[in-house]
């Protein structure tokens, strides 16, 4: 059941035509800022991968990928959920050196996504990945990279407000770092989303670290596949969204698993059989570089900077009739 709530008194700040102009401008500016900040080169990315490659992201392990047969090659293909593993393989194949990375415009279909103000079955994001050294597999380097991404966000937001004076979104440039266990300790009576809202409301720009493993309560803060992020060296960038009055995830990222953490996390997740998949074998055999990377939501960023109440105002997707009707009554026109 869709869970869309449009705030009372909401009114879009831009016309539909200017909305399209602003989307284009945001994507152009942020791509440039991100590329410069992290030393990334743009590459082409796949829309689908073969089922047996192990390259698709299984997210929380319950989402079903869209599958179809490809008679010409005699295999089944899956539309990607994300490019988390494909990017690392690409860095190896392209021979990227330490300190340099890639980014791509990733488009995905997540058929089982619950629809609400910020979720759609269509996903668009900047997927990035860069090669790092063994010495850079630490929390300090992770935090340094987060700060660079937030700086790129702020630079883009400033440029957007200058181009479109009707917009007045504010992004705090100072990042507060907190672990998922620290959040649970601070707000034991709240669920993970409630903890995020309570903390981000106060600190505005936050990076929640160490997501995937079980907390002292016996539950993880959020689901993470065991075979791309190192659960001790990852996290989410969340900003406060004034329009929706809630925390707002803009990016999931982290330092990726090495052979040791992959083995450990596959056991913890109860899926050791994945060792036999192509990607996992290459990693365990030391044939893939050490990397870090993540995804940064394109529509999410447009929502935030353009101060829209629904993701459908900045991307074309499929919505149920109830959502369309309720949004139209409130002045939120879905594309």
C-alpha atoms as a PDB file:
ATOM      1  CA  UNK A   1       0.000   0.000   0.000  1.00  0.00           C
ATOM      2  CA  UNK A   2       1.554   3.349  -1.032  1.00  0.00           C
ATOM      3  CA  UNK A   3       2.416   5.645   1.867  1.00  0.00           C
ATOM      4  CA  UNK A   4       2.460   9.098   0.355  1.00  0.00           C
ATOM      5  CA  UNK A   5       1.838  12.140   2.552  1.00  0.00           C
ATOM      6  CA  UNK A   6       1.986  15.645   1.073  1.00  0.00           C
ATOM      7  CA  UNK A   7       2.636  18.333   3.729  1.00  0.00           C
ATOM      8  CA  UNK A   8      -0.167  20.833   4.379  1.00  0.00           C
ATOM      9  CA  UNK A   9       0.223  24.013   2.377  1.00  0.00           C
ATOM     10  CA  UNK A  10       2.772  22.488  -0.008  1.00  0.00           C
ATOM     11  CA  UNK A  11       3.325  24.350  -3.246  1.00  0.00           C
ATOM     12  CA  UNK A  12       6.018  23.558  -5.859  1.00  0.00           C
ATOM     13  CA  UNK A  13       8.597  26.324  -6.160  1.00  0.00           C
ATOM     14  CA  UNK A  14       9.135  25.810  -9.894  1.00  0.00           C
ATOM     15  CA  UNK A  15       6.853  25.323 -12.888  1.00  0.00           C
ATOM     16  CA  UNK A  16       6.955  21.958 -14.652  1.00  0.00           C
ATOM     17  CA  UNK A  17       9.075  23.474 -17.429  1.00  0.00           C
ATOM     18  CA  UNK A  18      11.571  25.026 -14.994  1.00  0.00           C
ATOM     19  CA  UNK A  19      11.579  21.763 -13.068  1.00  0.00           C
ATOM     20  CA  UNK A  20      12.995  20.040 -16.146  1.00  0.00           C
ATOM     21  CA  UNK A  21      15.577  22.782 -16.589  1.00  0.00           C
ATOM     22  CA  UNK A  22      16.635  22.500 -12.958  1.00  0.00           C
ATOM     23  CA  UNK A  23      16.945  18.692 -13.124  1.00  0.00           C
ATOM     24  CA  UNK A  24      19.268  19.021 -16.103  1.00  0.00           C
ATOM     25  CA  UNK A  25      21.327  21.728 -14.404  1.00  0.00           C
ATOM     26  CA  UNK A  26      21.699  19.807 -11.137  1.00  0.00           C
ATOM     27  CA  UNK A  27      22.916  16.694 -12.922  1.00  0.00           C
ATOM     28  CA  UNK A  28      25.444  18.597 -15.024  1.00  0.00           C
ATOM     29  CA  UNK A  29      26.860  20.588 -12.110  1.00  0.00           C
ATOM     30  CA  UNK A  30      27.046  17.749  -9.590  1.00  0.00           C
ATOM     31  CA  UNK A  31      28.654  15.354 -12.086  1.00  0.00           C
ATOM     32  CA  UNK A  32      31.426  17.888 -12.604  1.00  0.00           C
ATOM     33  CA  UNK A  33      31.852  18.549  -8.868  1.00  0.00           C
ATOM     34  CA  UNK A  34      31.941  14.842  -7.981  1.00  0.00           C
ATOM     35  CA  UNK A  35      34.353  13.980 -10.777  1.00  0.00           C
ATOM     36  CA  UNK A  36      36.740  16.701  -9.664  1.00  0.00           C
ATOM     37  CA  UNK A  37      36.472  15.938  -5.936  1.00  0.00           C
ATOM     38  CA  UNK A  38      37.218  12.209  -6.184  1.00  0.00           C
ATOM     39  CA  UNK A  39      39.288  12.047  -9.418  1.00  0.00           C
ATOM     40  CA  UNK A  40      36.761   9.973 -11.356  1.00  0.00           C
ATOM     41  CA  UNK A  41      36.448   9.136 -15.051  1.00  0.00           C
ATOM     42  CA  UNK A  42      33.034   8.599 -16.626  1.00  0.00           C
ATOM     43  CA  UNK A  43      32.310   5.145 -18.082  1.00  0.00           C
ATOM     44  CA  UNK A  44      29.344   3.454 -19.695  1.00  0.00           C
ATOM     45  CA  UNK A  45      27.407   1.110 -17.427  1.00  0.00           C
ATOM     46  CA  UNK A  46      25.190  -1.926 -18.055  1.00  0.00           C
ATOM     47  CA  UNK A  47      21.436  -1.987 -17.559  1.00  0.00           C
ATOM     48  CA  UNK A  48      21.527  -5.750 -17.020  1.00  0.00           C
ATOM     49  CA  UNK A  49      23.949  -8.556 -16.116  1.00  0.00           C
ATOM     50  CA  UNK A  50      23.767 -12.333 -16.431  1.00  0.00           C
ATOM     51  CA  UNK A  51      22.116 -14.139 -13.548  1.00  0.00           C
ATOM     52  CA  UNK A  52      25.016 -16.529 -12.972  1.00  0.00           C
ATOM     53  CA  UNK A  53      27.722 -13.864 -12.769  1.00  0.00           C
ATOM     54  CA  UNK A  54      26.998 -12.861  -9.169  1.00  0.00           C
ATOM     55  CA  UNK A  55      27.339  -9.222 -10.203  1.00  0.00           C
ATOM     56  CA  UNK A  56      23.845  -8.059  -9.329  1.00  0.00           C
ATOM     57  CA  UNK A  57      23.296  -6.435  -5.948  1.00  0.00           C
ATOM     58  CA  UNK A  58      20.827  -8.496  -3.928  1.00  0.00           C
ATOM     59  CA  UNK A  59      20.090  -5.526  -1.624  1.00  0.00           C
ATOM     60  CA  UNK A  60      18.409  -6.971   1.494  1.00  0.00           C
ATOM     61  CA  UNK A  61      18.226 -10.459   0.026  1.00  0.00           C
ATOM     62  CA  UNK A  62      14.460 -10.499  -0.515  1.00  0.00           C
ATOM     63  CA  UNK A  63      13.985  -8.156  -3.485  1.00  0.00           C
ATOM     64  CA  UNK A  64      13.303  -9.923  -6.793  1.00  0.00           C
ATOM     65  CA  UNK A  65      15.278  -8.761  -9.816  1.00  0.00           C
ATOM     66  CA  UNK A  66      13.512  -8.369 -13.145  1.00  0.00           C
ATOM     67  CA  UNK A  67      14.686 -11.330 -15.232  1.00  0.00           C
ATOM     68  CA  UNK A  68      14.416 -12.250 -18.886  1.00  0.00           C
ATOM     69  CA  UNK A  69      15.992 -14.782 -21.205  1.00  0.00           C
ATOM     70  CA  UNK A  70      18.446 -13.821 -23.935  1.00  0.00           C
ATOM     71  CA  UNK A  71      18.116 -16.513 -26.616  1.00  0.00           C
ATOM     72  CA  UNK A  72      21.049 -15.167 -28.631  1.00  0.00           C
ATOM     73  CA  UNK A  73      23.504 -15.966 -25.824  1.00  0.00           C
ATOM     74  CA  UNK A  74      21.635 -18.798 -24.130  1.00  0.00           C
ATOM     75  CA  UNK A  75      21.532 -17.175 -20.698  1.00  0.00           C
ATOM     76  CA  UNK A  76      19.128 -15.382 -18.411  1.00  0.00           C
ATOM     77  CA  UNK A  77      19.740 -11.722 -17.646  1.00  0.00           C
ATOM     78  CA  UNK A  78      18.738  -9.543 -14.709  1.00  0.00           C
ATOM     79  CA  UNK A  79      18.133  -5.800 -14.709  1.00  0.00           C
ATOM     80  CA  UNK A  80      20.566  -4.423 -12.160  1.00  0.00           C
ATOM     81  CA  UNK A  81      19.578  -3.315  -8.674  1.00  0.00           C
ATOM     82  CA  UNK A  82      22.853  -1.397  -8.461  1.00  0.00           C
ATOM     83  CA  UNK A  83      26.361  -1.571  -9.897  1.00  0.00           C
ATOM     84  CA  UNK A  84      28.146  -2.175  -6.580  1.00  0.00           C
ATOM     85  CA  UNK A  85      30.073  -5.241  -7.750  1.00  0.00           C
ATOM     86  CA  UNK A  86      30.212  -4.512 -11.479  1.00  0.00           C
ATOM     87  CA  UNK A  87      32.186  -1.304 -10.855  1.00  0.00           C
ATOM     88  CA  UNK A  88      34.942  -3.138  -9.005  1.00  0.00           C
ATOM     89  CA  UNK A  89      35.293  -5.642 -11.804  1.00  0.00           C
ATOM     90  CA  UNK A  90      35.405  -2.777 -14.314  1.00  0.00           C
ATOM     91  CA  UNK A  91      38.232  -1.060 -12.415  1.00  0.00           C
ATOM     92  CA  UNK A  92      40.275  -4.273 -12.698  1.00  0.00           C
ATOM     93  CA  UNK A  93      39.513  -4.754 -16.377  1.00  0.00           C
ATOM     94  CA  UNK A  94      40.279  -1.127 -17.283  1.00  0.00           C
ATOM     95  CA  UNK A  95      43.508  -1.106 -15.266  1.00  0.00           C
ATOM     96  CA  UNK A  96      42.717   1.911 -13.071  1.00  0.00           C
ATOM     97  CA  UNK A  97      45.600   2.887 -10.754  1.00  0.00           C
ATOM     98  CA  UNK A  98      45.347   3.625  -7.021  1.00  0.00           C
ATOM     99  CA  UNK A  99      43.700   6.984  -6.360  1.00  0.00           C
ATOM    100  CA  UNK A 100      41.663   7.076  -9.583  1.00  0.00           C
ATOM    101  CA  UNK A 101      38.142   5.851 -10.100  1.00  0.00           C
ATOM    102  CA  UNK A 102      35.088   5.739 -12.313  1.00  0.00           C
ATOM    103  CA  UNK A 103      31.511   6.920 -12.191  1.00  0.00           C
ATOM    104  CA  UNK A 104      28.461   6.111 -14.266  1.00  0.00           C
ATOM    105  CA  UNK A 105      24.836   7.094 -14.591  1.00  0.00           C
ATOM    106  CA  UNK A 106      23.100   4.036 -13.167  1.00  0.00           C
ATOM    107  CA  UNK A 107      19.490   3.252 -14.015  1.00  0.00           C
ATOM    108  CA  UNK A 108      17.781   0.344 -12.295  1.00  0.00           C
ATOM    109  CA  UNK A 109      14.414  -1.253 -11.701  1.00  0.00           C
ATOM    110  CA  UNK A 110      13.492  -2.418  -8.209  1.00  0.00           C
ATOM    111  CA  UNK A 111      10.139  -4.081  -8.694  1.00  0.00           C
ATOM    112  CA  UNK A 112       9.499  -4.767  -4.989  1.00  0.00           C
ATOM    113  CA  UNK A 113      10.204  -1.235  -3.747  1.00  0.00           C
ATOM    114  CA  UNK A 114       7.477   0.191  -1.523  1.00  0.00           C
ATOM    115  CA  UNK A 115       6.128   3.409  -3.019  1.00  0.00           C
ATOM    116  CA  UNK A 116       6.059   6.576  -0.934  1.00  0.00           C
ATOM    117  CA  UNK A 117       7.310  10.161  -1.113  1.00  0.00           C
ATOM    118  CA  UNK A 118      10.930   9.167  -1.677  1.00  0.00           C
ATOM    119  CA  UNK A 119      10.766   5.651  -3.172  1.00  0.00           C
ATOM    120  CA  UNK A 120      10.025   4.567  -6.731  1.00  0.00           C
ATOM    121  CA  UNK A 121      10.513   1.335  -8.655  1.00  0.00           C
ATOM    122  CA  UNK A 122      12.830   3.338 -10.926  1.00  0.00           C
ATOM    123  CA  UNK A 123      16.241   4.144  -9.497  1.00  0.00           C
ATOM    124  CA  UNK A 124      18.688   6.651 -10.935  1.00  0.00           C
ATOM    125  CA  UNK A 125      21.972   7.452  -9.271  1.00  0.00           C
ATOM    126  CA  UNK A 126      25.591   8.327  -9.776  1.00  0.00           C
ATOM    127  CA  UNK A 127      27.427   5.082  -9.112  1.00  0.00           C
ATOM    128  CA  UNK A 128      31.106   5.667  -8.371  1.00  0.00           C
ATOM    129  CA  UNK A 129      34.083   3.502  -7.404  1.00  0.00           C
ATOM    130  CA  UNK A 130      37.791   4.179  -6.995  1.00  0.00           C
ATOM    131  CA  UNK A 131      40.905   2.120  -6.357  1.00  0.00           C
ATOM    132  CA  UNK A 132      42.496   2.552  -2.931  1.00  0.00           C
ATOM    133  CA  UNK A 133      45.566   1.219  -1.186  1.00  0.00           C
ATOM    134  CA  UNK A 134      45.625  -1.191   1.747  1.00  0.00           C
ATOM    135  CA  UNK A 135      46.682   1.692   3.986  1.00  0.00           C
ATOM    136  CA  UNK A 136      43.543   3.626   3.028  1.00  0.00           C
ATOM    137  CA  UNK A 137      41.182   0.932   4.300  1.00  0.00           C
ATOM    138  CA  UNK A 138      40.410   2.859   7.476  1.00  0.00           C
ATOM    139  CA  UNK A 139      37.763   5.077   9.041  1.00  0.00           C
ATOM    140  CA  UNK A 140      39.841   8.229   8.586  1.00  0.00           C
ATOM    141  CA  UNK A 141      39.945   7.872   4.810  1.00  0.00           C
ATOM    142  CA  UNK A 142      36.244   7.027   4.748  1.00  0.00           C
ATOM    143  CA  UNK A 143      35.409  10.234   6.625  1.00  0.00           C
ATOM    144  CA  UNK A 144      37.689  12.283   4.378  1.00  0.00           C
ATOM    145  CA  UNK A 145      35.824  11.019   1.317  1.00  0.00           C
ATOM    146  CA  UNK A 146      32.419  11.709   2.881  1.00  0.00           C
ATOM    147  CA  UNK A 147      33.464  15.308   3.520  1.00  0.00           C
ATOM    148  CA  UNK A 148      34.495  15.705  -0.127  1.00  0.00           C
ATOM    149  CA  UNK A 149      31.116  14.425  -1.331  1.00  0.00           C
ATOM    150  CA  UNK A 150      29.221  16.760   1.002  1.00  0.00           C
ATOM    151  CA  UNK A 151      31.366  19.653  -0.239  1.00  0.00           C
ATOM    152  CA  UNK A 152      30.352  18.765  -3.818  1.00  0.00           C
ATOM    153  CA  UNK A 153      26.699  18.702  -2.709  1.00  0.00           C
ATOM    154  CA  UNK A 154      26.982  22.155  -1.161  1.00  0.00           C
ATOM    155  CA  UNK A 155      28.740  23.595  -4.224  1.00  0.00           C
ATOM    156  CA  UNK A 156      25.993  22.219  -6.456  1.00  0.00           C
ATOM    157  CA  UNK A 157      23.227  23.554  -4.211  1.00  0.00           C
ATOM    158  CA  UNK A 158      24.787  27.025  -4.205  1.00  0.00           C
ATOM    159  CA  UNK A 159      24.977  27.006  -8.004  1.00  0.00           C
ATOM    160  CA  UNK A 160      21.355  25.849  -8.311  1.00  0.00           C
ATOM    161  CA  UNK A 161      20.065  28.594  -6.012  1.00  0.00           C
ATOM    162  CA  UNK A 162      21.944  31.193  -8.033  1.00  0.00           C
ATOM    163  CA  UNK A 163      20.439  29.901 -11.286  1.00  0.00           C
ATOM    164  CA  UNK A 164      16.921  29.479  -9.832  1.00  0.00           C
ATOM    165  CA  UNK A 165      16.288  32.228  -7.229  1.00  0.00           C
ATOM    166  CA  UNK A 166      12.942  30.726  -6.161  1.00  0.00           C
ATOM    167  CA  UNK A 167      14.855  27.891  -4.495  1.00  0.00           C
ATOM    168  CA  UNK A 168      16.294  28.349  -1.023  1.00  0.00           C
ATOM    169  CA  UNK A 169      17.374  24.890   0.180  1.00  0.00           C
ATOM    170  CA  UNK A 170      20.075  24.967   2.847  1.00  0.00           C
ATOM    171  CA  UNK A 171      22.621  22.131   3.266  1.00  0.00           C
ATOM    172  CA  UNK A 172      24.828  22.141   6.347  1.00  0.00           C
ATOM    173  CA  UNK A 173      28.444  21.658   5.183  1.00  0.00           C
ATOM    174  CA  UNK A 174      29.607  20.210   8.514  1.00  0.00           C
ATOM    175  CA  UNK A 175      29.212  16.437   8.759  1.00  0.00           C
ATOM    176  CA  UNK A 176      28.459  14.746  12.082  1.00  0.00           C
ATOM    177  CA  UNK A 177      29.715  11.155  12.205  1.00  0.00           C
ATOM    178  CA  UNK A 178      27.953   8.550  14.347  1.00  0.00           C
ATOM    179  CA  UNK A 179      27.882   4.749  14.374  1.00  0.00           C
ATOM    180  CA  UNK A 180      24.689   2.743  14.147  1.00  0.00           C
ATOM    181  CA  UNK A 181      25.394   1.284  17.605  1.00  0.00           C
ATOM    182  CA  UNK A 182      25.802   4.754  19.087  1.00  0.00           C
ATOM    183  CA  UNK A 183      22.412   5.669  17.624  1.00  0.00           C
ATOM    184  CA  UNK A 184      20.787   2.614  19.162  1.00  0.00           C
ATOM    185  CA  UNK A 185      22.348   3.446  22.531  1.00  0.00           C
ATOM    186  CA  UNK A 186      21.075   7.042  22.310  1.00  0.00           C
ATOM    187  CA  UNK A 187      17.510   6.157  21.241  1.00  0.00           C
ATOM    188  CA  UNK A 188      16.791   2.620  22.518  1.00  0.00           C
ATOM    189  CA  UNK A 189      13.015   3.092  22.338  1.00  0.00           C
ATOM    190  CA  UNK A 190      13.013   4.068  18.637  1.00  0.00           C
ATOM    191  CA  UNK A 191      13.369   1.955  15.517  1.00  0.00           C
ATOM    192  CA  UNK A 192      16.190   2.678  13.072  1.00  0.00           C
ATOM    193  CA  UNK A 193      14.215   5.244  11.060  1.00  0.00           C
ATOM    194  CA  UNK A 194      13.111   6.990  14.226  1.00  0.00           C
ATOM    195  CA  UNK A 195      16.720   7.187  15.411  1.00  0.00           C
ATOM    196  CA  UNK A 196      17.781   8.680  12.103  1.00  0.00           C
ATOM    197  CA  UNK A 197      15.047  11.314  12.236  1.00  0.00           C
ATOM    198  CA  UNK A 198      15.840  12.276  15.831  1.00  0.00           C
ATOM    199  CA  UNK A 199      19.582  12.574  15.239  1.00  0.00           C
ATOM    200  CA  UNK A 200      19.547  14.235  11.814  1.00  0.00           C
ATOM    201  CA  UNK A 201      16.941  16.764  12.922  1.00  0.00           C
ATOM    202  CA  UNK A 202      19.527  18.054  15.391  1.00  0.00           C
ATOM    203  CA  UNK A 203      22.737  17.633  13.382  1.00  0.00           C
ATOM    204  CA  UNK A 204      21.368  18.221   9.821  1.00  0.00           C
ATOM    205  CA  UNK A 205      24.184  16.561   7.829  1.00  0.00           C
ATOM    206  CA  UNK A 206      25.079  13.133   9.172  1.00  0.00           C
ATOM    207  CA  UNK A 207      27.049  10.062   8.217  1.00  0.00           C
ATOM    208  CA  UNK A 208      25.813   6.918   9.966  1.00  0.00           C
ATOM    209  CA  UNK A 209      28.626   4.362  10.035  1.00  0.00           C
ATOM    210  CA  UNK A 210      28.850   0.579  10.400  1.00  0.00           C
ATOM    211  CA  UNK A 211      25.644  -0.624   8.751  1.00  0.00           C
ATOM    212  CA  UNK A 212      24.923  -4.283   8.049  1.00  0.00           C
ATOM    213  CA  UNK A 213      26.008  -6.231  11.117  1.00  0.00           C
ATOM    214  CA  UNK A 214      23.783  -6.970  14.097  1.00  0.00           C
ATOM    215  CA  UNK A 215      23.644  -4.389  16.889  1.00  0.00           C
ATOM    216  CA  UNK A 216      23.450  -5.159  20.606  1.00  0.00           C
ATOM    217  CA  UNK A 217      19.680  -5.478  20.195  1.00  0.00           C
ATOM    218  CA  UNK A 218      20.264  -8.410  17.852  1.00  0.00           C
ATOM    219  CA  UNK A 219      19.006  -6.498  14.800  1.00  0.00           C
ATOM    220  CA  UNK A 220      21.005  -4.639  12.135  1.00  0.00           C
ATOM    221  CA  UNK A 221      20.396  -0.914  11.700  1.00  0.00           C
ATOM    222  CA  UNK A 222      19.548  -1.611   8.063  1.00  0.00           C
ATOM    223  CA  UNK A 223      20.093  -4.372   5.546  1.00  0.00           C
ATOM    224  CA  UNK A 224      23.302  -4.564   3.526  1.00  0.00           C
ATOM    225  CA  UNK A 225      24.432  -7.259   1.140  1.00  0.00           C
ATOM    226  CA  UNK A 226      27.483  -9.071   2.562  1.00  0.00           C
ATOM    227  CA  UNK A 227      29.588  -8.989  -0.572  1.00  0.00           C
ATOM    228  CA  UNK A 228      30.346  -5.373  -1.421  1.00  0.00           C
ATOM    229  CA  UNK A 229      30.640  -3.019   1.606  1.00  0.00           C
ATOM    230  CA  UNK A 230      32.807  -3.883   4.580  1.00  0.00           C
ATOM    231  CA  UNK A 231      30.224  -3.490   7.356  1.00  0.00           C
ATOM    232  CA  UNK A 232      32.864  -1.940   9.620  1.00  0.00           C
ATOM    233  CA  UNK A 233      33.827   0.683   7.022  1.00  0.00           C
ATOM    234  CA  UNK A 234      30.605   1.868   5.416  1.00  0.00           C
ATOM    235  CA  UNK A 235      27.671   4.165   6.025  1.00  0.00           C
ATOM    236  CA  UNK A 236      24.908   6.428   4.756  1.00  0.00           C
ATOM    237  CA  UNK A 237      24.913  10.188   4.160  1.00  0.00           C
ATOM    238  CA  UNK A 238      21.685  11.685   5.495  1.00  0.00           C
ATOM    239  CA  UNK A 239      20.517  15.292   5.294  1.00  0.00           C
ATOM    240  CA  UNK A 240      17.569  16.990   6.961  1.00  0.00           C
ATOM    241  CA  UNK A 241      14.671  17.601   4.560  1.00  0.00           C
ATOM    242  CA  UNK A 242      12.695  20.653   5.687  1.00  0.00           C
ATOM    243  CA  UNK A 243       9.845  20.076   3.224  1.00  0.00           C
ATOM    244  CA  UNK A 244       9.130  16.551   4.470  1.00  0.00           C
ATOM    245  CA  UNK A 245      10.279  17.179   8.037  1.00  0.00           C
ATOM    246  CA  UNK A 246      12.418  14.040   8.149  1.00  0.00           C
ATOM    247  CA  UNK A 247      15.877  12.658   7.581  1.00  0.00           C
ATOM    248  CA  UNK A 248      16.716  12.080   3.949  1.00  0.00           C
ATOM    249  CA  UNK A 249      19.250   9.535   2.719  1.00  0.00           C
ATOM    250  CA  UNK A 250      21.219  10.856  -0.231  1.00  0.00           C
ATOM    251  CA  UNK A 251      23.958   8.228  -0.481  1.00  0.00           C
ATOM    252  CA  UNK A 252      24.989   4.755   0.645  1.00  0.00           C
ATOM    253  CA  UNK A 253      28.729   4.129   0.387  1.00  0.00           C
ATOM    254  CA  UNK A 254      31.757   2.527   1.919  1.00  0.00           C
ATOM    255  CA  UNK A 255      35.113   0.840   1.668  1.00  0.00           C
ATOM    256  CA  UNK A 256      34.551  -2.489  -0.036  1.00  0.00           C
ATOM    257  CA  UNK A 257      35.191  -5.960   1.317  1.00  0.00           C
ATOM    258  CA  UNK A 258      38.602  -7.527   1.051  1.00  0.00           C
ATOM    259  CA  UNK A 259      39.006 -11.314   1.036  1.00  0.00           C
ATOM    260  CA  UNK A 260      38.961 -11.555   4.832  1.00  0.00           C
ATOM    261  CA  UNK A 261      35.847  -9.437   5.408  1.00  0.00           C
ATOM    262  CA  UNK A 262      34.058 -11.113   2.497  1.00  0.00           C
ATOM    263  CA  UNK A 263      34.575 -14.549   4.045  1.00  0.00           C
ATOM    264  CA  UNK A 264      33.394 -13.312   7.432  1.00  0.00           C
ATOM    265  CA  UNK A 265      30.297 -11.535   6.124  1.00  0.00           C
ATOM    266  CA  UNK A 266      29.219 -14.403   3.872  1.00  0.00           C
ATOM    267  CA  UNK A 267      29.241 -16.644   6.941  1.00  0.00           C
ATOM    268  CA  UNK A 268      27.334 -14.106   9.050  1.00  0.00           C
ATOM    269  CA  UNK A 269      24.747 -13.691   6.299  1.00  0.00           C
ATOM    270  CA  UNK A 270      24.372 -17.444   5.876  1.00  0.00           C
ATOM    271  CA  UNK A 271      25.331 -17.543   2.201  1.00  0.00           C
ATOM    272  CA  UNK A 272      28.842 -19.072   1.992  1.00  0.00           C
ATOM    273  CA  UNK A 273      27.898 -20.701  -1.320  1.00  0.00           C
ATOM    274  CA  UNK A 274      28.394 -17.343  -3.052  1.00  0.00           C
ATOM    275  CA  UNK A 275      32.139 -18.021  -2.905  1.00  0.00           C
ATOM    276  CA  UNK A 276      31.673 -20.047  -6.084  1.00  0.00           C
ATOM    277  CA  UNK A 277      30.312 -17.150  -8.132  1.00  0.00           C
ATOM    278  CA  UNK A 278      32.671 -15.498 -10.619  1.00  0.00           C
ATOM    279  CA  UNK A 279      32.973 -12.133  -8.851  1.00  0.00           C
ATOM    280  CA  UNK A 280      33.522 -13.702  -5.451  1.00  0.00           C
ATOM    281  CA  UNK A 281      36.145 -16.157  -6.712  1.00  0.00           C
ATOM    282  CA  UNK A 282      38.111 -13.347  -8.322  1.00  0.00           C
ATOM    283  CA  UNK A 283      38.033 -11.336  -5.099  1.00  0.00           C
ATOM    284  CA  UNK A 284      39.055 -14.268  -2.898  1.00  0.00           C
ATOM    285  CA  UNK A 285      41.905 -15.070  -5.305  1.00  0.00           C
ATOM    286  CA  UNK A 286      43.239 -11.513  -5.017  1.00  0.00           C
ATOM    287  CA  UNK A 287      42.459 -10.621  -8.632  1.00  0.00           C
ATOM    288  CA  UNK A 288      40.361  -7.527  -7.874  1.00  0.00           C
ATOM    289  CA  UNK A 289      41.709  -4.210  -6.576  1.00  0.00           C
ATOM    290  CA  UNK A 290      40.892  -2.796  -3.166  1.00  0.00           C
ATOM    291  CA  UNK A 291      38.217  -0.167  -3.690  1.00  0.00           C
ATOM    292  CA  UNK A 292      35.686   2.139  -2.115  1.00  0.00           C
ATOM    293  CA  UNK A 293      32.531   3.448  -3.693  1.00  0.00           C
ATOM    294  CA  UNK A 294      28.847   4.158  -3.451  1.00  0.00           C
ATOM    295  CA  UNK A 295      25.713   5.456  -5.047  1.00  0.00           C
ATOM    296  CA  UNK A 296      24.328   8.995  -4.880  1.00  0.00           C
ATOM    297  CA  UNK A 297      20.659   9.373  -5.708  1.00  0.00           C
ATOM    298  CA  UNK A 298      19.984  11.677  -8.647  1.00  0.00           C
ATOM    299  CA  UNK A 299      16.247  12.076  -8.088  1.00  0.00           C
ATOM    300  CA  UNK A 300      16.801  12.311  -4.333  1.00  0.00           C
ATOM    301  CA  UNK A 301      19.240  15.179  -4.864  1.00  0.00           C
ATOM    302  CA  UNK A 302      16.826  16.931  -7.215  1.00  0.00           C
ATOM    303  CA  UNK A 303      14.029  16.521  -4.663  1.00  0.00           C
ATOM    304  CA  UNK A 304      16.125  18.071  -1.927  1.00  0.00           C
ATOM    305  CA  UNK A 305      17.527  21.025  -3.857  1.00  0.00           C
ATOM    306  CA  UNK A 306      14.271  21.772  -5.681  1.00  0.00           C
ATOM    307  CA  UNK A 307      12.282  21.309  -2.454  1.00  0.00           C
ATOM    308  CA  UNK A 308       9.667  18.964  -3.893  1.00  0.00           C
ATOM    309  CA  UNK A 309       7.449  16.784  -1.718  1.00  0.00           C
ATOM    310  CA  UNK A 310       7.366  13.680  -3.937  1.00  0.00           C
ATOM    311  CA  UNK A 311      10.027  11.921  -5.986  1.00  0.00           C
ATOM    312  CA  UNK A 312       7.537  11.641  -8.848  1.00  0.00           C
ATOM    313  CA  UNK A 313       7.811  15.404  -9.323  1.00  0.00           C
ATOM    314  CA  UNK A 314      11.400  14.966 -10.535  1.00  0.00           C
ATOM    315  CA  UNK A 315      11.346  11.574 -12.296  1.00  0.00           C
ATOM    316  CA  UNK A 316       8.985   9.747 -14.637  1.00  0.00           C
ATOM    317  CA  UNK A 317       7.817   6.447 -13.189  1.00  0.00           C
ATOM    318  CA  UNK A 318       4.682   4.398 -12.517  1.00  0.00           C
ATOM    319  CA  UNK A 319       2.318   5.348  -9.688  1.00  0.00           C
ATOM    320  CA  UNK A 320      -0.968   3.971  -8.441  1.00  0.00           C
ATOM    321  CA  UNK A 321      -4.080   6.037  -9.074  1.00  0.00           C
ATOM    322  CA  UNK A 322      -4.576   6.903  -5.389  1.00  0.00           C
ATOM    323  CA  UNK A 323      -1.104   8.420  -5.179  1.00  0.00           C
ATOM    324  CA  UNK A 324      -1.613  10.379  -8.389  1.00  0.00           C
ATOM    325  CA  UNK A 325      -4.966  11.740  -7.209  1.00  0.00           C
ATOM    326  CA  UNK A 326      -3.743  12.711  -3.748  1.00  0.00           C
ATOM    327  CA  UNK A 327      -0.635  14.396  -5.155  1.00  0.00           C
ATOM    328  CA  UNK A 328      -2.632  16.313  -7.746  1.00  0.00           C
ATOM    329  CA  UNK A 329      -5.060  17.560  -5.065  1.00  0.00           C
ATOM    330  CA  UNK A 330      -2.095  18.842  -3.065  1.00  0.00           C
ATOM    331  CA  UNK A 331      -0.473  20.529  -6.066  1.00  0.00           C
ATOM    332  CA  UNK A 332       2.313  17.951  -6.526  1.00  0.00           C
ATOM    333  CA  UNK A 333       2.253  17.099 -10.228  1.00  0.00           C
ATOM    334  CA  UNK A 334       3.808  13.693 -10.950  1.00  0.00           C
ATOM    335  CA  UNK A 335       5.748  13.293 -14.185  1.00  0.00           C
END
